Structures are given as structure tokens and as C-alpha cells.
Amino acid sequence: MQIMMAVLGVSAVLVTAAEGVLIARRRGAGAYDWRAFWTTVRINGWRVVVEAIPMGAVLGAALPFGAWMYAHRLWTVPMDTAWGWVAMFFTTEFFYYWLHRAGHRIRWYWASHQVHHSGNEYNLAAAFRQSITGKVSGGFVFFAPQCLLGFSPDAVLMSYGLNLVYQFWIHTDLVPKLGWMEGVFNTPSAHRVHHAANVEYLDCNYGGTIMLFDRLFGTYVEEKDGVPIRYGLVKPQRSYTALRICLAEWAAIARDALKARRPAHLLGYLFGPPGWAPDGRGLTTDDLRVRMKALTGEAAGVPPEWMLEGREAPTEVSRGSPLPAR
């Protein structure tokens, strides 16, 4: 698995660099953020370092749990049959959906996943800007029940890896909507919505390869024509320091945990939605939509900086002047 990921990583760097050259030629030299590209390369350098650390009791909880689940499996799925591979595809997609949804709705998992969303441009580099703390947050535990259903841990790892490989090509704004494929497969358009900071697009389109479970669970949102997208985190990440980007949300969690006055507050800071606050005046997705609707008349658009920083609205906004076009 590690060798496969290393080969894919080197290939991704080369293809991503080629995309950067193409964008720069089409749109101008300043249209592609090469500093962000090299930051992503450094993040992956740190990933190599972290992967070299022995798993240990903290980092390795998910895999032994999966092995235990497989030892107590309900049945064995034969992988020498067509239906076995079909079942593998749909179960992997199902558990990936919930892993990904938790990565956006539970702050503990978001602390790792936010790295993937930290780039302020949407291009192939975003595909391999991944966390170095995923094993600490324990996201792979979401796939352990798949082992209980009769898939070996090695087969689950391979299937998950192939799911991620598919997602590489959809991280681009060079590909338009793809007609009948929209709403069926995870396309560049669907994933652009997922990476948007516009409040109407937050927390949606979690599927890896298909939109089936987004449709079943009400999280599918189609890209709207004529609506400019601002990519990146709701509070944009301005740093180009790899470790700072990787650990930013963990540091924020630590600061919030230290000021927690009650156990319930601590649990909220750790496992509530990103932006949660004990006084109900936080910056969760729901909070932002309510505030934007009060401000503009619709739960849409990119929150202004003063709102994200907890400051009062500027005088011209308070008097009813319209916000600048987003």
C-alpha cells in the first residue's frame, strides 16, 4: 500500500505541475499559485516522515480493530466473483461517505481533513494536499464494519485507495459540467461545490466516486450557473508553512479546550461541528447561513471578514447598504 501511494504521489506531483504550467499559459503567469504548490509538496514530505513512525498504540488503533472485525466477520465475501467486487465498491463508497461527512461535521475529524480544503485555488494540487494526522484522528475506523461484513482489511485498504485515485482528476476547474454524469458520478463540478466556501455550498457532496448516498441522505447540491465560487476554508488559510497548515485546527482545539468551563463545553469543542461555541454564537454552517440570510436576505454567498472575526458590521452595512458582489 505504501509503495503504491509513493508511486501515485510522484506521478501526482508531475501531473499537477503540468496543470500549473497549462493554467499559467492560458490565464497568465499569476493565475497559478506556485508557492501553494510547493507547500503541498512539503506537506507530503511531512506525510512521508509521519508514515515512517511505527504505528504504536495511538496511531494503530484502526487496523487492529478492522482485523478483529474480520476475525469475527458475519460471512466471507468471495473476491473471485463479480458480485463480490460490486459489493466491495458500494460498501466502500457507503463507508467513505460517512467518513467524509464526519470529516466536515465533527471537529475532531475536521482537524485532520481541513488540510485538504486549505488551498485557496481549486486545482489538482488540492487532491494530494492531505493531512499528516489522519491516523491520530482515527478516521479509518469507519471502514472497520466493512471487515465485519466479510471483506479483508487488505481488500478494504485497496478499495479505499482506488476510491481516492479516482478523485484525483476531479480537482480542477478546467472541466465544465458533464451533462448526464452530474448527480450520478462525483465530477469536477460536484466537487467544486464541495470545496467552496460559499455558505450555500458548505457540507455537501461527500461521495467519493458516485453521488448515490448524497442523494439518499440529502447532501447533494448541484453547482449553480453564474455563481462565483470562492475556494478554500471559510476563514481563508494565508500561511504557506506546511506544518502550520497541518496543525492549525489542532492548535485551535487546544486553545478552546483550555478555556472550557464545563465538561459539556469540552466535548462540544472536540466533537461538535466546526465553529461550535457554547454560547450559541459560533461559526458553524448553520450559524453562517442564518447570519448571511439576515444580512443579505438569502442563506448564500461568502461571509464577510468582519463576520468571521466576530466584529460588528461596518457602518455602511448596518445602514442597509448592499454588500460588495461576491
Protein backbone atom coordinates (compact mmCIF):
# COMPACT_ATOMS: atom_id res chain seq x y z
CA MET A 1 0.00 0.00 0.00
CA GLN A 2 2.80 2.42 0.93
CA ILE A 3 4.73 1.65 -2.26
CA MET A 4 1.57 2.21 -4.31
CA MET A 5 0.93 5.52 -2.58
CA ALA A 6 4.55 6.62 -3.14
CA VAL A 7 4.33 5.90 -6.88
CA LEU A 8 0.99 7.65 -7.11
CA GLY A 9 2.38 10.60 -5.15
CA VAL A 10 5.31 11.15 -7.52
CA SER A 11 3.00 10.82 -10.51
CA ALA A 12 0.57 13.30 -8.96
CA VAL A 13 3.33 15.88 -8.48
CA LEU A 14 4.34 15.65 -12.14
CA VAL A 15 0.78 15.81 -13.49
CA THR A 16 -0.09 18.65 -11.10
CA ALA A 17 2.95 20.65 -12.18
CA ALA A 18 1.90 20.18 -15.81
CA GLU A 19 -1.55 21.51 -14.95
CA GLY A 20 0.06 24.55 -13.30
CA VAL A 21 2.03 25.28 -16.47
CA LEU A 22 -1.12 24.93 -18.58
CA ILE A 23 -3.12 27.29 -16.35
CA ALA A 24 -0.32 29.84 -16.31
CA ARG A 25 -0.15 29.81 -20.12
CA ARG A 26 -3.92 30.09 -20.56
CA ARG A 27 -4.69 32.64 -17.85
CA GLY A 28 -1.43 34.45 -17.24
CA ALA A 29 1.63 33.88 -15.10
CA GLY A 30 -0.05 34.99 -11.89
CA ALA A 31 -3.08 32.72 -12.31
CA TYR A 32 -1.42 29.75 -10.63
CA ASP A 33 -0.11 29.87 -7.06
CA TRP A 34 3.23 28.09 -7.28
CA ARG A 35 4.00 28.85 -3.63
CA ALA A 36 0.90 26.86 -2.68
CA PHE A 37 2.04 24.05 -4.98
CA TRP A 38 5.39 23.77 -3.23
CA THR A 39 3.68 23.99 0.16
CA THR A 40 1.64 20.95 -0.84
CA VAL A 41 4.84 19.14 -1.83
CA ARG A 42 6.31 19.93 1.59
CA ILE A 43 3.15 18.71 3.32
CA ASN A 44 3.58 15.40 1.54
CA GLY A 45 7.20 15.35 2.66
CA TRP A 46 5.95 15.54 6.23
CA ARG A 47 3.48 12.76 5.43
CA VAL A 48 6.39 10.53 4.43
CA VAL A 49 8.08 11.29 7.77
CA VAL A 50 4.92 10.53 9.75
CA GLU A 51 4.27 7.31 7.82
CA ALA A 52 7.77 6.15 8.81
CA ILE A 53 6.92 6.39 12.51
CA PRO A 54 5.99 2.97 13.98
CA MET A 55 2.26 2.69 14.33
CA GLY A 56 2.15 2.16 18.09
CA ALA A 57 -0.91 2.02 20.30
CA VAL A 58 -2.12 5.53 19.40
CA LEU A 59 -1.63 5.50 15.64
CA GLY A 60 -2.58 1.90 15.02
CA ALA A 61 -5.99 1.54 16.65
CA ALA A 62 -7.99 1.36 13.41
CA LEU A 63 -6.15 -1.52 11.73
CA PRO A 64 -6.25 -3.94 14.71
CA PHE A 65 -9.94 -3.09 15.12
CA GLY A 66 -10.51 -3.93 11.46
CA ALA A 67 -8.57 -7.18 11.88
CA TRP A 68 -10.68 -8.06 14.94
CA MET A 69 -13.85 -7.30 12.98
CA TYR A 70 -12.68 -9.55 10.15
CA ALA A 71 -11.88 -12.36 12.59
CA HIS A 72 -15.48 -12.13 13.80
CA ARG A 73 -16.99 -11.49 10.34
CA LEU A 74 -20.57 -12.42 9.65
CA TRP A 75 -19.57 -14.18 6.42
CA THR A 76 -16.81 -14.13 3.81
CA VAL A 77 -17.33 -12.23 0.58
CA PRO A 78 -15.69 -14.17 -2.30
CA MET A 79 -13.50 -11.75 -4.21
CA ASP A 80 -13.18 -14.17 -7.13
CA THR A 81 -16.76 -13.32 -8.17
CA ALA A 82 -18.21 -10.31 -9.96
CA TRP A 83 -20.80 -9.69 -7.25
CA GLY A 84 -18.03 -9.62 -4.65
CA TRP A 85 -16.36 -6.68 -6.40
CA VAL A 86 -19.69 -4.92 -6.89
CA ALA A 87 -20.43 -5.34 -3.17
CA MET A 88 -16.93 -4.06 -2.36
CA PHE A 89 -17.48 -0.96 -4.49
CA PHE A 90 -20.79 0.03 -2.92
CA THR A 91 -19.81 -0.76 0.68
CA THR A 92 -16.56 1.19 0.31
CA GLU A 93 -18.49 4.11 -1.12
CA PHE A 94 -21.03 3.92 1.72
CA PHE A 95 -18.44 3.94 4.49
CA TYR A 96 -16.36 6.57 2.69
CA TYR A 97 -19.44 8.80 2.56
CA TRP A 98 -19.81 8.68 6.35
CA LEU A 99 -16.07 9.10 6.93
CA HIS A 100 -16.09 12.17 4.71
CA ARG A 101 -19.27 13.57 6.25
CA ALA A 102 -17.80 13.14 9.73
CA GLY A 103 -14.68 14.90 8.48
CA HIS A 104 -16.79 18.01 7.92
CA ARG A 105 -19.34 17.75 10.73
CA ILE A 106 -17.20 16.56 13.69
CA ARG A 107 -14.38 18.88 14.66
CA TRP A 108 -12.07 16.08 15.82
CA TYR A 109 -12.03 14.67 12.28
CA TRP A 110 -12.16 18.11 10.66
CA ALA A 111 -8.84 18.95 12.37
CA SER A 112 -7.20 16.49 10.00
CA HIS A 113 -9.41 16.94 6.96
CA GLN A 114 -9.24 20.75 6.87
CA VAL A 115 -5.74 20.46 5.39
CA HIS A 116 -7.30 19.14 2.19
CA HIS A 117 -9.51 22.24 1.98
CA SER A 118 -6.84 24.77 2.94
CA GLY A 119 -5.78 25.70 -0.58
CA ASN A 120 -7.32 28.90 -1.92
CA GLU A 121 -7.31 27.67 -5.52
CA TYR A 122 -9.06 24.61 -6.90
CA ASN A 123 -6.65 22.54 -8.92
CA LEU A 124 -5.02 19.12 -8.95
CA ALA A 125 -2.65 20.14 -6.16
CA ALA A 126 -5.63 20.10 -3.79
CA ALA A 127 -6.09 16.39 -4.49
CA PHE A 128 -2.87 15.41 -2.77
CA ARG A 129 -2.83 18.10 -0.09
CA GLN A 130 -3.70 15.64 2.66
CA SER A 131 -3.36 15.55 6.43
CA ILE A 132 -0.41 14.16 8.35
CA THR A 133 -2.61 13.42 11.39
CA GLY A 134 -5.23 11.14 9.89
CA LYS A 135 -4.07 8.14 11.90
CA VAL A 136 -4.23 10.16 15.10
CA SER A 137 -7.82 11.22 14.48
CA GLY A 138 -8.62 7.59 13.60
CA GLY A 139 -10.80 8.11 10.56
CA PHE A 140 -10.07 4.68 9.13
CA VAL A 141 -12.15 3.16 11.93
CA PHE A 142 -15.17 4.00 9.75
CA PHE A 143 -14.15 1.14 7.46
CA ALA A 144 -13.86 -1.46 10.23
CA PRO A 145 -17.53 -2.50 9.88
CA GLN A 146 -16.76 -3.33 6.25
CA CYS A 147 -14.44 -6.02 7.58
CA LEU A 148 -17.28 -7.34 9.75
CA LEU A 149 -19.29 -7.76 6.54
CA GLY A 150 -16.66 -10.13 5.18
CA PHE A 151 -14.05 -8.01 3.39
CA SER A 152 -10.43 -8.48 4.47
CA PRO A 153 -8.54 -5.41 5.82
CA ASP A 154 -6.15 -5.62 2.86
CA ALA A 155 -9.04 -5.63 0.38
CA VAL A 156 -10.65 -2.68 2.17
CA LEU A 157 -7.38 -0.72 2.05
CA MET A 158 -7.01 -1.42 -1.66
CA SER A 159 -10.60 -0.43 -2.39
CA TYR A 160 -10.25 2.78 -0.38
CA GLY A 161 -7.02 3.59 -2.24
CA LEU A 162 -8.71 3.13 -5.61
CA ASN A 163 -11.55 5.39 -4.47
CA LEU A 164 -9.00 8.11 -3.72
CA VAL A 165 -7.23 7.58 -7.04
CA TYR A 166 -10.50 8.25 -8.88
CA GLN A 167 -10.90 11.53 -7.01
CA PHE A 168 -7.62 12.96 -8.27
CA TRP A 169 -8.90 14.10 -11.66
CA ILE A 170 -11.99 15.88 -10.31
CA HIS A 171 -9.91 18.54 -8.52
CA THR A 172 -9.93 21.02 -11.38
CA ASP A 173 -11.91 23.99 -12.65
CA LEU A 174 -10.78 23.34 -16.22
CA VAL A 175 -13.53 20.77 -16.83
CA PRO A 176 -17.11 22.08 -17.23
CA LYS A 177 -20.29 20.29 -16.24
CA LEU A 178 -20.54 16.84 -17.79
CA GLY A 179 -24.22 16.56 -18.70
CA TRP A 180 -25.93 13.33 -17.65
CA MET A 181 -22.99 12.43 -15.39
CA GLU A 182 -23.89 15.24 -12.99
CA GLY A 183 -25.75 13.92 -9.99
CA VAL A 184 -24.65 10.37 -10.79
CA PHE A 185 -20.86 10.47 -10.51
CA ASN A 186 -18.56 12.65 -8.48
CA THR A 187 -17.50 15.09 -11.20
CA PRO A 188 -15.28 18.19 -11.20
CA SER A 189 -18.43 20.30 -10.98
CA ALA A 190 -19.83 18.38 -8.00
CA HIS A 191 -16.50 18.54 -6.21
CA ARG A 192 -16.04 22.24 -6.92
CA VAL A 193 -19.20 22.72 -4.88
CA HIS A 194 -17.73 20.59 -2.11
CA HIS A 195 -14.59 22.75 -1.95
CA ALA A 196 -16.48 26.06 -1.98
CA ALA A 197 -16.60 28.49 0.95
CA ASN A 198 -19.97 29.90 -0.18
CA VAL A 199 -22.39 29.11 2.65
CA GLU A 200 -24.99 27.57 0.32
CA TYR A 201 -22.37 25.01 -0.71
CA LEU A 202 -20.96 24.07 2.70
CA ASP A 203 -21.21 20.47 3.93
CA CYS A 204 -22.40 18.73 0.78
CA ASN A 205 -21.31 16.28 -1.95
CA TYR A 206 -19.41 13.85 0.26
CA GLY A 207 -19.38 10.91 -2.15
CA GLY A 208 -16.07 9.56 -3.40
CA THR A 209 -16.94 8.25 -6.85
CA ILE A 210 -20.75 8.46 -7.02
CA MET A 211 -23.46 10.73 -5.67
CA LEU A 212 -25.80 7.91 -4.64
CA PHE A 213 -25.52 8.37 -0.89
CA ASP A 214 -25.57 12.16 -1.11
CA ARG A 215 -28.90 11.83 -2.86
CA LEU A 216 -30.19 9.28 -0.34
CA PHE A 217 -29.16 11.37 2.68
CA GLY A 218 -30.00 14.81 1.29
CA THR A 219 -26.49 16.26 0.90
CA TYR A 220 -26.27 16.56 -2.89
CA VAL A 221 -26.04 20.14 -4.20
CA GLU A 222 -25.59 20.98 -7.87
CA GLU A 223 -23.24 23.75 -9.00
CA LYS A 224 -25.25 26.84 -9.91
CA ASP A 225 -24.51 28.63 -13.16
CA GLY A 226 -23.35 32.21 -12.77
CA VAL A 227 -22.46 31.92 -9.07
CA PRO A 228 -18.75 32.66 -8.49
CA ILE A 229 -17.09 30.21 -6.11
CA ARG A 230 -14.54 31.22 -3.51
CA TYR A 231 -12.44 28.17 -2.74
CA GLY A 232 -10.70 27.23 0.48
CA LEU A 233 -11.64 27.38 4.13
CA VAL A 234 -14.42 29.69 5.30
CA LYS A 235 -11.66 31.55 7.15
CA PRO A 236 -9.02 31.53 4.40
CA GLN A 237 -5.67 29.96 5.20
CA ARG A 238 -2.99 32.52 4.31
CA SER A 239 0.06 30.61 5.52
CA TYR A 240 2.49 28.80 3.24
CA THR A 241 4.12 26.94 6.15
CA ALA A 242 3.39 23.24 5.81
CA LEU A 243 3.36 22.29 9.50
CA ARG A 244 1.31 25.34 10.47
CA ILE A 245 -1.35 24.35 7.93
CA CYS A 246 -1.36 20.73 9.09
CA LEU A 247 -1.64 21.57 12.79
CA ALA A 248 -3.71 24.78 12.66
CA GLU A 249 -7.02 23.26 13.74
CA TRP A 250 -5.42 21.04 16.37
CA ALA A 251 -3.87 24.17 17.89
CA ALA A 252 -7.27 25.90 17.79
CA ILE A 253 -8.87 22.91 19.52
CA ALA A 254 -6.20 23.05 22.24
CA ARG A 255 -6.86 26.77 22.82
CA ASP A 256 -10.60 26.19 23.04
CA ALA A 257 -10.20 23.17 25.33
CA LEU A 258 -8.15 25.21 27.78
CA LYS A 259 -10.94 27.76 28.14
CA ALA A 260 -13.73 25.19 28.51
CA ARG A 261 -15.60 25.76 31.77
CA ARG A 262 -17.67 22.59 31.76
CA PRO A 263 -17.20 19.01 30.52
CA ALA A 264 -20.04 19.61 28.06
CA HIS A 265 -18.16 22.58 26.63
CA LEU A 266 -15.04 20.48 26.21
CA LEU A 267 -17.00 17.79 24.38
CA GLY A 268 -18.54 20.45 22.16
CA TYR A 269 -15.15 21.87 21.25
CA LEU A 270 -13.82 18.39 20.47
CA PHE A 271 -16.74 16.66 18.80
CA GLY A 272 -19.24 19.38 17.90
CA PRO A 273 -19.38 20.79 14.38
CA PRO A 274 -16.51 23.08 13.34
CA GLY A 275 -17.22 26.60 14.56
CA TRP A 276 -19.27 25.44 17.57
CA ALA A 277 -19.38 27.77 20.57
CA PRO A 278 -21.03 27.15 23.98
CA ASP A 279 -22.98 30.41 23.86
CA GLY A 280 -24.57 29.50 20.54
CA ARG A 281 -22.81 32.38 18.79
CA GLY A 282 -20.33 30.36 16.83
CA LEU A 283 -19.47 29.96 13.17
CA THR A 284 -21.00 26.61 12.30
CA THR A 285 -22.51 26.12 8.87
CA ASP A 286 -25.99 26.66 10.30
CA ASP A 287 -24.86 29.82 12.14
CA LEU A 288 -23.32 31.26 9.00
CA ARG A 289 -26.40 30.60 6.90
CA VAL A 290 -28.62 32.31 9.47
CA ARG A 291 -26.31 35.33 9.60
CA MET A 292 -25.98 35.60 5.83
CA LYS A 293 -29.75 35.39 5.42
CA ALA A 294 -30.19 38.16 7.98
CA LEU A 295 -27.55 40.22 6.19
CA THR A 296 -28.43 39.67 2.53
CA GLY A 297 -31.87 38.11 2.50
CA GLU A 298 -30.64 34.69 1.44
CA ALA A 299 -28.52 31.96 3.00
CA ALA A 300 -25.89 32.28 0.31
CA GLY A 301 -22.61 33.98 -0.53
CA VAL A 302 -19.24 34.23 1.15
CA PRO A 303 -19.27 35.55 4.73
CA PRO A 304 -17.51 38.92 5.03
CA GLU A 305 -14.30 39.16 7.00
CA TRP A 306 -15.82 41.17 9.85
CA MET A 307 -18.39 38.42 10.43
CA LEU A 308 -15.73 35.71 10.56
CA GLU A 309 -13.65 37.72 13.02
CA GLY A 310 -16.58 38.39 15.32
CA ARG A 311 -16.54 42.14 14.76
CA GLU A 312 -19.54 44.43 14.42
CA ALA A 313 -20.84 45.16 10.95
CA PRO A 314 -19.32 48.26 9.30
CA THR A 315 -21.50 51.37 9.45
CA GLU A 316 -22.44 51.26 5.77
CA VAL A 317 -23.63 47.65 6.14
CA SER A 318 -25.57 48.44 9.33
CA ARG A 319 -27.39 51.20 7.46
CA GLY A 320 -28.54 48.77 4.82
CA SER A 321 -26.00 49.39 2.06
CA PRO A 322 -25.58 46.27 -0.09
CA LEU A 323 -22.55 44.07 0.31
CA PRO A 324 -19.94 44.12 -2.45
CA ALA A 325 -20.53 41.49 -5.10
CA ARG A 326 -19.05 38.16 -4.05
